[in-house]
Structure formats: C-alpha cells, structure tokens
C-alpha cells in the first residue's frame, strides 16, 4: 500500500472509508480491495429488510389499543426497541448510500488529513 499525508482535502477522493484518529487527524482508507462491496450491499439490504419487518411488527403492537393496558415496563421496552430499530435502520441506510461509491476505482492509498 501507499501512505500519503496531506492537508489538501481536494486530494481526498470520495468513497473512502474514514476514521477519525484525533481531532487533528482523519484517516481515509480505500477498502475496496478488502471488502466484497457487492456482497456487503446485499448483506445490508437483507439487514434493512429485517429491520423494516421488525419495525412493522413493533409498530402494530404499539398501535394496538390493548397495548395501553400493558405494564409500563413492557411499554417502555417496546418503545425503546422501536427507537433502536430506527437508529439501526438509519445507520444501515447510511452504509447503503456509501458503499456504491466504493465501486469506483481508487488507488490503494491511506490519506491522513493534517
């Protein structure tokens, strides 16, 4: 691989995975050759479908008039599960939006923004 240190963000190509090392340094890594992007997209789409199905089940439970008679702890846990699913769904959607750009060809370059 190759290591490049730059303060010019124009050299950072879109679609690279980013990791914040410190408040002053971000590491951009081309993971295209390390991850099967198509398989990961397929996995994420499956995860999204599962999350949507689970969300629909919980939403039906919460919207059922009998749910208001459930113990407060059950109501709270169910609502928390729904919130967790929404957060996971958002993260999955963000990943799904990122991965297609990784299909582009990049050099094996690690860029550190300073």
PDB file of N, CA and C in Angstrom:
ATOM      1  N   UNK A   1       0.808  -1.183   0.000  1.00  0.00           N
ATOM      2  CA  UNK A   1       0.000   0.000   0.000  1.00  0.00           C
ATOM      3  C   UNK A   1       0.853   1.249   0.000  1.00  0.00           C
ATOM      4  N   UNK A   2       0.195   2.340   0.033  1.00  0.00           N
ATOM      5  CA  UNK A   2       0.861   3.632  -0.042  1.00  0.00           C
ATOM      6  C   UNK A   2       0.326   4.521   1.065  1.00  0.00           C
ATOM      7  N   UNK A   3       1.193   5.320   1.646  1.00  0.00           N
ATOM      8  CA  UNK A   3       0.801   6.274   2.678  1.00  0.00           C
ATOM      9  C   UNK A   3       1.054   7.667   2.149  1.00  0.00           C
ATOM     10  N   UNK A   4       0.037   8.509   2.233  1.00  0.00           N
ATOM     11  CA  UNK A   4       0.178   9.900   1.815  1.00  0.00           C
ATOM     12  C   UNK A   4      -0.361  10.780   2.930  1.00  0.00           C
ATOM     13  N   UNK A   5       0.378  11.809   3.255  1.00  0.00           N
ATOM     14  CA  UNK A   5      -0.075  12.770   4.251  1.00  0.00           C
ATOM     15  C   UNK A   5      -0.330  14.081   3.523  1.00  0.00           C
ATOM     16  N   UNK A   6      -1.509  14.639   3.754  1.00  0.00           N
ATOM     17  CA  UNK A   6      -1.885  15.844   3.030  1.00  0.00           C
ATOM     18  C   UNK A   6      -2.703  16.770   3.911  1.00  0.00           C
ATOM     19  N   UNK A   7      -2.622  18.034   3.623  1.00  0.00           N
ATOM     20  CA  UNK A   7      -3.526  18.989   4.262  1.00  0.00           C
ATOM     21  C   UNK A   7      -4.510  19.511   3.225  1.00  0.00           C
ATOM     22  N   UNK A   8      -4.409  18.986   2.007  1.00  0.00           N
ATOM     23  CA  UNK A   8      -5.264  19.394   0.900  1.00  0.00           C
ATOM     24  C   UNK A   8      -6.411  18.400   0.772  1.00  0.00           C
ATOM     25  N   UNK A   9      -7.590  18.789   1.234  1.00  0.00           N
ATOM     26  CA  UNK A   9      -8.733  17.877   1.185  1.00  0.00           C
ATOM     27  C   UNK A   9      -9.185  17.570  -0.229  1.00  0.00           C
ATOM     28  N   UNK A  10      -8.726  18.350  -1.220  1.00  0.00           N
ATOM     29  CA  UNK A  10      -9.083  18.065  -2.607  1.00  0.00           C
ATOM     30  C   UNK A  10      -8.440  16.763  -3.068  1.00  0.00           C
ATOM     31  N   UNK A  11      -7.361  16.326  -2.386  1.00  0.00           N
ATOM     32  CA  UNK A  11      -6.702  15.071  -2.733  1.00  0.00           C
ATOM     33  C   UNK A  11      -7.463  13.861  -2.198  1.00  0.00           C
ATOM     34  N   UNK A  12      -8.396  14.089  -1.280  1.00  0.00           N
ATOM     35  CA  UNK A  12      -9.167  13.003  -0.701  1.00  0.00           C
ATOM     36  C   UNK A  12     -10.306  12.664  -1.652  1.00  0.00           C
ATOM     37  N   UNK A  13     -10.280  11.448  -2.146  1.00  0.00           N
ATOM     38  CA  UNK A  13     -11.286  11.023  -3.114  1.00  0.00           C
ATOM     39  C   UNK A  13     -12.560  10.582  -2.392  1.00  0.00           C
ATOM     40  N   UNK A  14     -13.722  10.862  -2.972  1.00  0.00           N
ATOM     41  CA  UNK A  14     -14.970  10.423  -2.338  1.00  0.00           C
ATOM     42  C   UNK A  14     -15.071   8.905  -2.349  1.00  0.00           C
ATOM     43  N   UNK A  15     -15.763   8.363  -1.379  1.00  0.00           N
ATOM     44  CA  UNK A  15     -15.979   6.929  -1.330  1.00  0.00           C
ATOM     45  C   UNK A  15     -14.973   6.181  -0.482  1.00  0.00           C
ATOM     46  N   UNK A  16     -14.058   6.896   0.135  1.00  0.00           N
ATOM     47  CA  UNK A  16     -13.099   6.242   1.007  1.00  0.00           C
ATOM     48  C   UNK A  16     -13.692   6.130   2.404  1.00  0.00           C
ATOM     49  N   UNK A  17     -13.372   5.039   3.078  1.00  0.00           N
ATOM     50  CA  UNK A  17     -13.809   4.897   4.463  1.00  0.00           C
ATOM     51  C   UNK A  17     -13.000   5.863   5.306  1.00  0.00           C
ATOM     52  N   UNK A  18     -13.631   6.483   6.273  1.00  0.00           N
ATOM     53  CA  UNK A  18     -12.936   7.470   7.106  1.00  0.00           C
ATOM     54  C   UNK A  18     -12.987   7.046   8.564  1.00  0.00           C
ATOM     55  N   UNK A  19     -11.898   7.289   9.239  1.00  0.00           N
ATOM     56  CA  UNK A  19     -11.837   7.045  10.668  1.00  0.00           C
ATOM     57  C   UNK A  19     -11.152   8.244  11.299  1.00  0.00           C
ATOM     58  N   UNK A  20     -11.774   8.824  12.304  1.00  0.00           N
ATOM     59  CA  UNK A  20     -11.184   9.970  12.987  1.00  0.00           C
ATOM     60  C   UNK A  20     -10.227   9.429  14.044  1.00  0.00           C
ATOM     61  N   UNK A  21      -8.942   9.723  13.871  1.00  0.00           N
ATOM     62  CA  UNK A  21      -7.934   9.263  14.807  1.00  0.00           C
ATOM     63  C   UNK A  21      -7.837  10.228  15.980  1.00  0.00           C
ATOM     64  N   UNK A  22      -7.756  11.501  15.670  1.00  0.00           N
ATOM     65  CA  UNK A  22      -7.771  12.552  16.688  1.00  0.00           C
ATOM     66  C   UNK A  22      -8.567  13.701  16.104  1.00  0.00           C
ATOM     67  N   UNK A  23      -8.728  14.755  16.881  1.00  0.00           N
ATOM     68  CA  UNK A  23      -9.442  15.912  16.346  1.00  0.00           C
ATOM     69  C   UNK A  23      -8.658  16.580  15.230  1.00  0.00           C
ATOM     70  N   UNK A  24      -7.355  16.270  15.118  1.00  0.00           N
ATOM     71  CA  UNK A  24      -6.499  16.881  14.110  1.00  0.00           C
ATOM     72  C   UNK A  24      -6.194  15.954  12.942  1.00  0.00           C
ATOM     73  N   UNK A  25      -6.554  14.696  13.059  1.00  0.00           N
ATOM     74  CA  UNK A  25      -6.181  13.728  12.013  1.00  0.00           C
ATOM     75  C   UNK A  25      -7.352  12.812  11.688  1.00  0.00           C
ATOM     76  N   UNK A  26      -7.625  12.687  10.409  1.00  0.00           N
ATOM     77  CA  UNK A  26      -8.605  11.725   9.913  1.00  0.00           C
ATOM     78  C   UNK A  26      -7.874  10.791   8.970  1.00  0.00           C
ATOM     79  N   UNK A  27      -8.166   9.521   9.077  1.00  0.00           N
ATOM     80  CA  UNK A  27      -7.552   8.536   8.201  1.00  0.00           C
ATOM     81  C   UNK A  27      -8.596   8.096   7.184  1.00  0.00           C
ATOM     82  N   UNK A  28      -8.232   8.192   5.908  1.00  0.00           N
ATOM     83  CA  UNK A  28      -9.095   7.750   4.822  1.00  0.00           C
ATOM     84  C   UNK A  28      -8.472   6.488   4.243  1.00  0.00           C
ATOM     85  N   UNK A  29      -9.256   5.433   4.154  1.00  0.00           N
ATOM     86  CA  UNK A  29      -8.728   4.153   3.713  1.00  0.00           C
ATOM     87  C   UNK A  29      -9.596   3.598   2.598  1.00  0.00           C
ATOM     88  N   UNK A  30      -8.929   3.242   1.511  1.00  0.00           N
ATOM     89  CA  UNK A  30      -9.635   2.590   0.410  1.00  0.00           C
ATOM     90  C   UNK A  30      -9.813   1.131   0.795  1.00  0.00           C
ATOM     91  N   UNK A  31     -11.045   0.739   1.075  1.00  0.00           N
ATOM     92  CA  UNK A  31     -11.310  -0.637   1.495  1.00  0.00           C
ATOM     93  C   UNK A  31     -11.881  -1.484   0.362  1.00  0.00           C
ATOM     94  N   UNK A  32     -11.875  -0.919  -0.837  1.00  0.00           N
ATOM     95  CA  UNK A  32     -12.480  -1.594  -1.977  1.00  0.00           C
ATOM     96  C   UNK A  32     -11.914  -2.993  -2.178  1.00  0.00           C
ATOM     97  N   UNK A  33     -10.596  -3.151  -2.019  1.00  0.00           N
ATOM     98  CA  UNK A  33      -9.984  -4.454  -2.234  1.00  0.00           C
ATOM     99  C   UNK A  33     -10.040  -5.338  -0.991  1.00  0.00           C
ATOM    100  N   UNK A  34     -10.487  -4.800   0.119  1.00  0.00           N
ATOM    101  CA  UNK A  34     -10.558  -5.559   1.361  1.00  0.00           C
ATOM    102  C   UNK A  34     -11.952  -6.091   1.636  1.00  0.00           C
ATOM    103  N   UNK A  35     -12.953  -5.489   1.012  1.00  0.00           N
ATOM    104  CA  UNK A  35     -14.350  -5.846   1.248  1.00  0.00           C
ATOM    105  C   UNK A  35     -15.008  -6.149  -0.091  1.00  0.00           C
ATOM    106  N   UNK A  36     -15.779  -7.219  -0.138  1.00  0.00           N
ATOM    107  CA  UNK A  36     -16.569  -7.501  -1.328  1.00  0.00           C
ATOM    108  C   UNK A  36     -17.777  -6.562  -1.270  1.00  0.00           C
ATOM    109  N   UNK A  37     -17.679  -5.460  -2.002  1.00  0.00           N
ATOM    110  CA  UNK A  37     -18.688  -4.400  -1.919  1.00  0.00           C
ATOM    111  C   UNK A  37     -20.067  -4.922  -2.295  1.00  0.00           C
ATOM    112  N   UNK A  38     -20.166  -5.716  -3.352  1.00  0.00           N
ATOM    113  CA  UNK A  38     -21.474  -6.238  -3.767  1.00  0.00           C
ATOM    114  C   UNK A  38     -22.081  -7.136  -2.689  1.00  0.00           C
ATOM    115  N   UNK A  39     -21.249  -7.979  -2.072  1.00  0.00           N
ATOM    116  CA  UNK A  39     -21.747  -8.852  -1.003  1.00  0.00           C
ATOM    117  C   UNK A  39     -22.179  -8.023   0.200  1.00  0.00           C
ATOM    118  N   UNK A  40     -21.438  -6.968   0.496  1.00  0.00           N
ATOM    119  CA  UNK A  40     -21.787  -6.120   1.630  1.00  0.00           C
ATOM    120  C   UNK A  40     -23.092  -5.370   1.367  1.00  0.00           C
ATOM    121  N   UNK A  41     -23.288  -4.908   0.138  1.00  0.00           N
ATOM    122  CA  UNK A  41     -24.550  -4.239  -0.218  1.00  0.00           C
ATOM    123  C   UNK A  41     -25.709  -5.217  -0.074  1.00  0.00           C
ATOM    124  N   UNK A  42     -25.520  -6.449  -0.538  1.00  0.00           N
ATOM    125  CA  UNK A  42     -26.558  -7.479  -0.415  1.00  0.00           C
ATOM    126  C   UNK A  42     -26.864  -7.752   1.055  1.00  0.00           C
ATOM    127  N   UNK A  43     -25.809  -7.848   1.880  1.00  0.00           N
ATOM    128  CA  UNK A  43     -25.994  -8.093   3.308  1.00  0.00           C
ATOM    129  C   UNK A  43     -26.752  -6.940   3.961  1.00  0.00           C
ATOM    130  N   UNK A  44     -26.382  -5.717   3.612  1.00  0.00           N
ATOM    131  CA  UNK A  44     -27.044  -4.540   4.180  1.00  0.00           C
ATOM    132  C   UNK A  44     -28.507  -4.452   3.741  1.00  0.00           C
ATOM    133  N   UNK A  45     -28.784  -4.802   2.491  1.00  0.00           N
ATOM    134  CA  UNK A  45     -30.178  -4.793   2.022  1.00  0.00           C
ATOM    135  C   UNK A  45     -31.004  -5.823   2.773  1.00  0.00           C
ATOM    136  N   UNK A  46     -30.406  -6.986   3.056  1.00  0.00           N
ATOM    137  CA  UNK A  46     -31.096  -8.004   3.848  1.00  0.00           C
ATOM    138  C   UNK A  46     -31.344  -7.525   5.268  1.00  0.00           C
ATOM    139  N   UNK A  47     -30.337  -6.862   5.835  1.00  0.00           N
ATOM    140  CA  UNK A  47     -30.477  -6.314   7.186  1.00  0.00           C
ATOM    141  C   UNK A  47     -31.581  -5.258   7.229  1.00  0.00           C
ATOM    142  N   UNK A  48     -31.627  -4.427   6.195  1.00  0.00           N
ATOM    143  CA  UNK A  48     -32.650  -3.386   6.126  1.00  0.00           C
ATOM    144  C   UNK A  48     -34.041  -4.015   6.059  1.00  0.00           C
ATOM    145  N   UNK A  49     -34.199  -5.059   5.262  1.00  0.00           N
ATOM    146  CA  UNK A  49     -35.493  -5.735   5.150  1.00  0.00           C
ATOM    147  C   UNK A  49     -35.915  -6.331   6.489  1.00  0.00           C
ATOM    148  N   UNK A  50     -34.965  -6.931   7.198  1.00  0.00           N
ATOM    149  CA  UNK A  50     -35.260  -7.499   8.512  1.00  0.00           C
ATOM    150  C   UNK A  50     -35.671  -6.409   9.488  1.00  0.00           C
ATOM    151  N   UNK A  51     -34.934  -5.297   9.476  1.00  0.00           N
ATOM    152  CA  UNK A  51     -35.267  -4.187  10.373  1.00  0.00           C
ATOM    153  C   UNK A  51     -36.655  -3.629  10.077  1.00  0.00           C
ATOM    154  N   UNK A  52     -36.980  -3.489   8.790  1.00  0.00           N
ATOM    155  CA  UNK A  52     -38.300  -2.967   8.418  1.00  0.00           C
ATOM    156  C   UNK A  52     -39.413  -3.904   8.880  1.00  0.00           C
ATOM    157  N   UNK A  53     -39.194  -5.217   8.734  1.00  0.00           N
ATOM    158  CA  UNK A  53     -40.198  -6.189   9.178  1.00  0.00           C
ATOM    159  C   UNK A  53     -40.361  -6.134  10.692  1.00  0.00           C
ATOM    160  N   UNK A  54     -39.233  -6.074  11.414  1.00  0.00           N
ATOM    161  CA  UNK A  54     -39.303  -5.993  12.877  1.00  0.00           C
ATOM    162  C   UNK A  54     -39.960  -4.696  13.327  1.00  0.00           C
ATOM    163  N   UNK A  55     -39.679  -3.614  12.613  1.00  0.00           N
ATOM    164  CA  UNK A  55     -40.276  -2.327  12.960  1.00  0.00           C
ATOM    165  C   UNK A  55     -41.787  -2.371  12.763  1.00  0.00           C
ATOM    166  N   UNK A  56     -42.206  -2.976  11.659  1.00  0.00           N
ATOM    167  CA  UNK A  56     -43.645  -3.078  11.374  1.00  0.00           C
ATOM    168  C   UNK A  56     -44.350  -3.887  12.468  1.00  0.00           C
ATOM    169  N   UNK A  57     -43.735  -4.973  12.900  1.00  0.00           N
ATOM    170  CA  UNK A  57     -44.314  -5.807  13.962  1.00  0.00           C
ATOM    171  C   UNK A  57     -44.464  -5.015  15.259  1.00  0.00           C
ATOM    172  N   UNK A  58     -43.391  -4.296  15.629  1.00  0.00           N
ATOM    173  CA  UNK A  58     -43.445  -3.499  16.863  1.00  0.00           C
ATOM    174  C   UNK A  58     -44.439  -2.349  16.747  1.00  0.00           C
ATOM    175  N   UNK A  59     -44.500  -1.709  15.585  1.00  0.00           N
ATOM    176  CA  UNK A  59     -45.443  -0.599  15.390  1.00  0.00           C
ATOM    177  C   UNK A  59     -46.884  -1.089  15.524  1.00  0.00           C
ATOM    178  N   UNK A  60     -47.178  -2.269  14.974  1.00  0.00           N
ATOM    179  CA  UNK A  60     -48.525  -2.836  15.115  1.00  0.00           C
ATOM    180  C   UNK A  60     -48.843  -3.095  16.579  1.00  0.00           C
ATOM    181  N   UNK A  61     -47.845  -3.600  17.298  1.00  0.00           N
ATOM    182  CA  UNK A  61     -48.038  -3.891  18.721  1.00  0.00           C
ATOM    183  C   UNK A  61     -48.331  -2.596  19.490  1.00  0.00           C
ATOM    184  N   UNK A  62     -47.536  -1.572  19.224  1.00  0.00           N
ATOM    185  CA  UNK A  62     -47.709  -0.297  19.926  1.00  0.00           C
ATOM    186  C   UNK A  62     -49.037   0.366  19.565  1.00  0.00           C
ATOM    187  N   UNK A  63     -49.455   0.244  18.299  1.00  0.00           N
ATOM    188  CA  UNK A  63     -50.690   0.884  17.835  1.00  0.00           C
ATOM    189  C   UNK A  63     -51.953   0.098  18.193  1.00  0.00           C
ATOM    190  N   UNK A  64     -51.779  -1.102  18.730  1.00  0.00           N
ATOM    191  CA  UNK A  64     -52.919  -1.897  19.165  1.00  0.00           C
ATOM    192  C   UNK A  64     -53.524  -1.237  20.413  1.00  0.00           C
ATOM    193  N   UNK A  65     -54.839  -1.006  20.421  1.00  0.00           N
ATOM    194  CA  UNK A  65     -55.470  -0.366  21.589  1.00  0.00           C
ATOM    195  C   UNK A  65     -55.205  -1.108  22.896  1.00  0.00           C
ATOM    196  N   UNK A  66     -55.023  -2.408  22.843  1.00  0.00           N
ATOM    197  CA  UNK A  66     -54.770  -3.195  24.056  1.00  0.00           C
ATOM    198  C   UNK A  66     -53.375  -2.935  24.642  1.00  0.00           C
ATOM    199  N   UNK A  67     -52.480  -2.364  23.812  1.00  0.00           N
ATOM    200  CA  UNK A  67     -51.106  -2.117  24.273  1.00  0.00           C
ATOM    201  C   UNK A  67     -51.077  -1.141  25.445  1.00  0.00           C
ATOM    202  N   UNK A  68     -52.023  -0.234  25.486  1.00  0.00           N
ATOM    203  CA  UNK A  68     -52.056   0.743  26.583  1.00  0.00           C
ATOM    204  C   UNK A  68     -52.324   0.068  27.932  1.00  0.00           C
ATOM    205  N   UNK A  69     -52.822  -1.161  27.894  1.00  0.00           N
ATOM    206  CA  UNK A  69     -53.084  -1.900  29.128  1.00  0.00           C
ATOM    207  C   UNK A  69     -51.866  -2.699  29.586  1.00  0.00           C
ATOM    208  N   UNK A  70     -50.838  -2.745  28.743  1.00  0.00           N
ATOM    209  CA  UNK A  70     -49.620  -3.484  29.104  1.00  0.00           C
ATOM    210  C   UNK A  70     -48.911  -2.756  30.242  1.00  0.00           C
ATOM    211  N   UNK A  71     -48.128  -3.497  31.045  1.00  0.00           N
ATOM    212  CA  UNK A  71     -47.383  -2.846  32.127  1.00  0.00           C
ATOM    213  C   UNK A  71     -46.456  -1.756  31.566  1.00  0.00           C
ATOM    214  N   UNK A  72     -46.264  -0.686  32.309  1.00  0.00           N
ATOM    215  CA  UNK A  72     -45.414   0.415  31.835  1.00  0.00           C
ATOM    216  C   UNK A  72     -44.019  -0.052  31.398  1.00  0.00           C
ATOM    217  N   UNK A  73     -43.469  -1.037  32.119  1.00  0.00           N
ATOM    218  CA  UNK A  73     -42.141  -1.537  31.754  1.00  0.00           C
ATOM    219  C   UNK A  73     -42.151  -2.145  30.348  1.00  0.00           C
ATOM    220  N   UNK A  74     -43.189  -2.893  30.029  1.00  0.00           N
ATOM    221  CA  UNK A  74     -43.319  -3.504  28.700  1.00  0.00           C
ATOM    222  C   UNK A  74     -43.477  -2.423  27.631  1.00  0.00           C
ATOM    223  N   UNK A  75     -44.293  -1.415  27.941  1.00  0.00           N
ATOM    224  CA  UNK A  75     -44.476  -0.308  27.000  1.00  0.00           C
ATOM    225  C   UNK A  75     -43.147   0.400  26.746  1.00  0.00           C
ATOM    226  N   UNK A  76     -42.400   0.656  27.806  1.00  0.00           N
ATOM    227  CA  UNK A  76     -41.121   1.353  27.684  1.00  0.00           C
ATOM    228  C   UNK A  76     -40.117   0.512  26.889  1.00  0.00           C
ATOM    229  N   UNK A  77     -40.033  -0.780  27.191  1.00  0.00           N
ATOM    230  CA  UNK A  77     -39.089  -1.652  26.493  1.00  0.00           C
ATOM    231  C   UNK A  77     -39.430  -1.748  25.009  1.00  0.00           C
ATOM    232  N   UNK A  78     -40.712  -1.848  24.703  1.00  0.00           N
ATOM    233  CA  UNK A  78     -41.139  -1.955  23.309  1.00  0.00           C
ATOM    234  C   UNK A  78     -40.834  -0.666  22.552  1.00  0.00           C
ATOM    235  N   UNK A  79     -41.097   0.462  23.175  1.00  0.00           N
ATOM    236  CA  UNK A  79     -40.791   1.750  22.553  1.00  0.00           C
ATOM    237  C   UNK A  79     -39.288   1.897  22.343  1.00  0.00           C
ATOM    238  N   UNK A  80     -38.492   1.444  23.315  1.00  0.00           N
ATOM    239  CA  UNK A  80     -37.032   1.513  23.185  1.00  0.00           C
ATOM    240  C   UNK A  80     -36.552   0.618  22.037  1.00  0.00           C
ATOM    241  N   UNK A  81     -37.142  -0.567  21.922  1.00  0.00           N
ATOM    242  CA  UNK A  81     -36.787  -1.462  20.810  1.00  0.00           C
ATOM    243  C   UNK A  81     -37.077  -0.791  19.473  1.00  0.00           C
ATOM    244  N   UNK A  82     -38.218  -0.115  19.391  1.00  0.00           N
ATOM    245  CA  UNK A  82     -38.585   0.584  18.164  1.00  0.00           C
ATOM    246  C   UNK A  82     -37.568   1.690  17.852  1.00  0.00           C
ATOM    247  N   UNK A  83     -37.159   2.447  18.878  1.00  0.00           N
ATOM    248  CA  UNK A  83     -36.160   3.504  18.684  1.00  0.00           C
ATOM    249  C   UNK A  83     -34.819   2.923  18.238  1.00  0.00           C
ATOM    250  N   UNK A  84     -34.430   1.795  18.822  1.00  0.00           N
ATOM    251  CA  UNK A  84     -33.176   1.137  18.442  1.00  0.00           C
ATOM    252  C   UNK A  84     -33.225   0.681  16.992  1.00  0.00           C
ATOM    253  N   UNK A  85     -34.348   0.120  16.591  1.00  0.00           N
ATOM    254  CA  UNK A  85     -34.513  -0.307  15.203  1.00  0.00           C
ATOM    255  C   UNK A  85     -34.402   0.896  14.274  1.00  0.00           C
ATOM    256  N   UNK A  86     -35.021   2.009  14.639  1.00  0.00           N
ATOM    257  CA  UNK A  86     -34.937   3.215  13.807  1.00  0.00           C
ATOM    258  C   UNK A  86     -33.490   3.695  13.663  1.00  0.00           C
ATOM    259  N   UNK A  87     -32.722   3.635  14.752  1.00  0.00           N
ATOM    260  CA  UNK A  87     -31.315   4.034  14.692  1.00  0.00           C
ATOM    261  C   UNK A  87     -30.508   3.086  13.812  1.00  0.00           C
ATOM    262  N   UNK A  88     -30.740   1.788  13.964  1.00  0.00           N
ATOM    263  CA  UNK A  88     -30.040   0.797  13.141  1.00  0.00           C
ATOM    264  C   UNK A  88     -30.408   0.954  11.672  1.00  0.00           C
ATOM    265  N   UNK A  89     -31.690   1.249  11.430  1.00  0.00           N
ATOM    266  CA  UNK A  89     -32.148   1.444  10.048  1.00  0.00           C
ATOM    267  C   UNK A  89     -31.454   2.649   9.424  1.00  0.00           C
ATOM    268  N   UNK A  90     -31.306   3.725  10.189  1.00  0.00           N
ATOM    269  CA  UNK A  90     -30.626   4.916   9.687  1.00  0.00           C
ATOM    270  C   UNK A  90     -29.153   4.622   9.379  1.00  0.00           C
ATOM    271  N   UNK A  91     -28.498   3.898  10.285  1.00  0.00           N
ATOM    272  CA  UNK A  91     -27.095   3.536  10.059  1.00  0.00           C
ATOM    273  C   UNK A  91     -26.958   2.626   8.846  1.00  0.00           C
ATOM    274  N   UNK A  92     -27.883   1.696   8.685  1.00  0.00           N
ATOM    275  CA  UNK A  92     -27.856   0.793   7.537  1.00  0.00           C
ATOM    276  C   UNK A  92     -28.076   1.571   6.246  1.00  0.00           C
ATOM    277  N   UNK A  93     -29.022   2.502   6.260  1.00  0.00           N
ATOM    278  CA  UNK A  93     -29.256   3.335   5.072  1.00  0.00           C
ATOM    279  C   UNK A  93     -28.029   4.170   4.735  1.00  0.00           C
ATOM    280  N   UNK A  94     -27.363   4.718   5.755  1.00  0.00           N
ATOM    281  CA  UNK A  94     -26.148   5.493   5.518  1.00  0.00           C
ATOM    282  C   UNK A  94     -25.075   4.625   4.868  1.00  0.00           C
ATOM    283  N   UNK A  95     -24.929   3.407   5.354  1.00  0.00           N
ATOM    284  CA  UNK A  95     -23.951   2.488   4.766  1.00  0.00           C
ATOM    285  C   UNK A  95     -24.333   2.141   3.332  1.00  0.00           C
ATOM    286  N   UNK A  96     -25.615   1.887   3.110  1.00  0.00           N
ATOM    287  CA  UNK A  96     -26.072   1.568   1.748  1.00  0.00           C
ATOM    288  C   UNK A  96     -25.817   2.731   0.795  1.00  0.00           C
ATOM    289  N   UNK A  97     -25.899   3.948   1.294  1.00  0.00           N
ATOM    290  CA  UNK A  97     -25.630   5.114   0.448  1.00  0.00           C
ATOM    291  C   UNK A  97     -24.143   5.292   0.181  1.00  0.00           C
ATOM    292  N   UNK A  98     -23.292   4.783   1.072  1.00  0.00           N
ATOM    293  CA  UNK A  98     -21.850   4.934   0.940  1.00  0.00           C
ATOM    294  C   UNK A  98     -21.232   3.863   0.050  1.00  0.00           C
ATOM    295  N   UNK A  99     -21.651   2.624   0.206  1.00  0.00           N
ATOM    296  CA  UNK A  99     -20.993   1.520  -0.474  1.00  0.00           C
ATOM    297  C   UNK A  99     -20.976   1.608  -2.002  1.00  0.00           C
ATOM    298  N   UNK A 100     -22.034   2.050  -2.662  1.00  0.00           N
ATOM    299  CA  UNK A 100     -21.942   2.125  -4.125  1.00  0.00           C
ATOM    300  C   UNK A 100     -20.791   2.996  -4.618  1.00  0.00           C
ATOM    301  N   UNK A 101     -20.455   4.046  -3.886  1.00  0.00           N
ATOM    302  CA  UNK A 101     -19.349   4.899  -4.322  1.00  0.00           C
ATOM    303  C   UNK A 101     -18.008   4.186  -4.193  1.00  0.00           C
ATOM    304  N   UNK A 102     -17.954   3.125  -3.379  1.00  0.00           N
ATOM    305  CA  UNK A 102     -16.710   2.374  -3.231  1.00  0.00           C
ATOM    306  C   UNK A 102     -16.432   1.488  -4.445  1.00  0.00           C
ATOM    307  N   UNK A 103     -17.423   1.328  -5.311  1.00  0.00           N
ATOM    308  CA  UNK A 103     -17.220   0.532  -6.512  1.00  0.00           C
ATOM    309  C   UNK A 103     -16.279   1.216  -7.497  1.00  0.00           C
ATOM    310  N   UNK A 104     -16.108   2.528  -7.334  1.00  0.00           N
ATOM    311  CA  UNK A 104     -15.202   3.262  -8.209  1.00  0.00           C
ATOM    312  C   UNK A 104     -13.774   2.798  -7.954  1.00  0.00           C
ATOM    313  N   UNK A 105     -12.940   2.980  -8.901  1.00  0.00           N
ATOM    314  CA  UNK A 105     -11.556   2.551  -8.773  1.00  0.00           C
ATOM    315  C   UNK A 105     -10.723   3.635  -8.111  1.00  0.00           C
ATOM    316  N   UNK A 106     -10.090   3.246  -7.010  1.00  0.00           N
ATOM    317  CA  UNK A 106      -9.173   4.127  -6.304  1.00  0.00           C
ATOM    318  C   UNK A 106      -7.851   3.395  -6.168  1.00  0.00           C
ATOM    319  N   UNK A 107      -6.782   4.143  -6.043  1.00  0.00           N
ATOM    320  CA  UNK A 107      -5.507   3.530  -5.721  1.00  0.00           C
ATOM    321  C   UNK A 107      -5.510   3.102  -4.270  1.00  0.00           C
ATOM    322  N   UNK A 108      -4.641   2.177  -3.922  1.00  0.00           N
ATOM    323  CA  UNK A 108      -4.529   1.754  -2.526  1.00  0.00           C
ATOM    324  C   UNK A 108      -3.752   2.831  -1.798  1.00  0.00           C
ATOM    325  N   UNK A 109      -4.479   3.748  -1.227  1.00  0.00           N
ATOM    326  CA  UNK A 109      -3.841   4.907  -0.638  1.00  0.00           C
ATOM    327  C   UNK A 109      -4.463   5.180   0.726  1.00  0.00           C
ATOM    328  N   UNK A 110      -3.626   5.429   1.695  1.00  0.00           N
ATOM    329  CA  UNK A 110      -4.067   5.832   3.012  1.00  0.00           C
ATOM    330  C   UNK A 110      -3.737   7.303   3.138  1.00  0.00           C
ATOM    331  N   UNK A 111      -4.749   8.125   3.300  1.00  0.00           N
ATOM    332  CA  UNK A 111      -4.536   9.571   3.374  1.00  0.00           C
ATOM    333  C   UNK A 111      -4.785  10.046   4.790  1.00  0.00           C
ATOM    334  N   UNK A 112      -3.907  10.850   5.281  1.00  0.00           N
ATOM    335  CA  UNK A 112      -4.073  11.420   6.618  1.00  0.00           C
ATOM    336  C   UNK A 112      -4.219  12.919   6.469  1.00  0.00           C
ATOM    337  N   UNK A 113      -5.353  13.426   6.882  1.00  0.00           N
ATOM    338  CA  UNK A 113      -5.615  14.869   6.841  1.00  0.00           C
ATOM    339  C   UNK A 113      -4.979  15.503   8.078  1.00  0.00           C
ATOM    340  N   UNK A 114      -4.139  16.481   7.856  1.00  0.00           N
ATOM    341  CA  UNK A 114      -3.489  17.151   8.993  1.00  0.00           C
ATOM    342  C   UNK A 114      -3.807  18.623   9.001  1.00  0.00           C
TER     343      UNK A 114
END
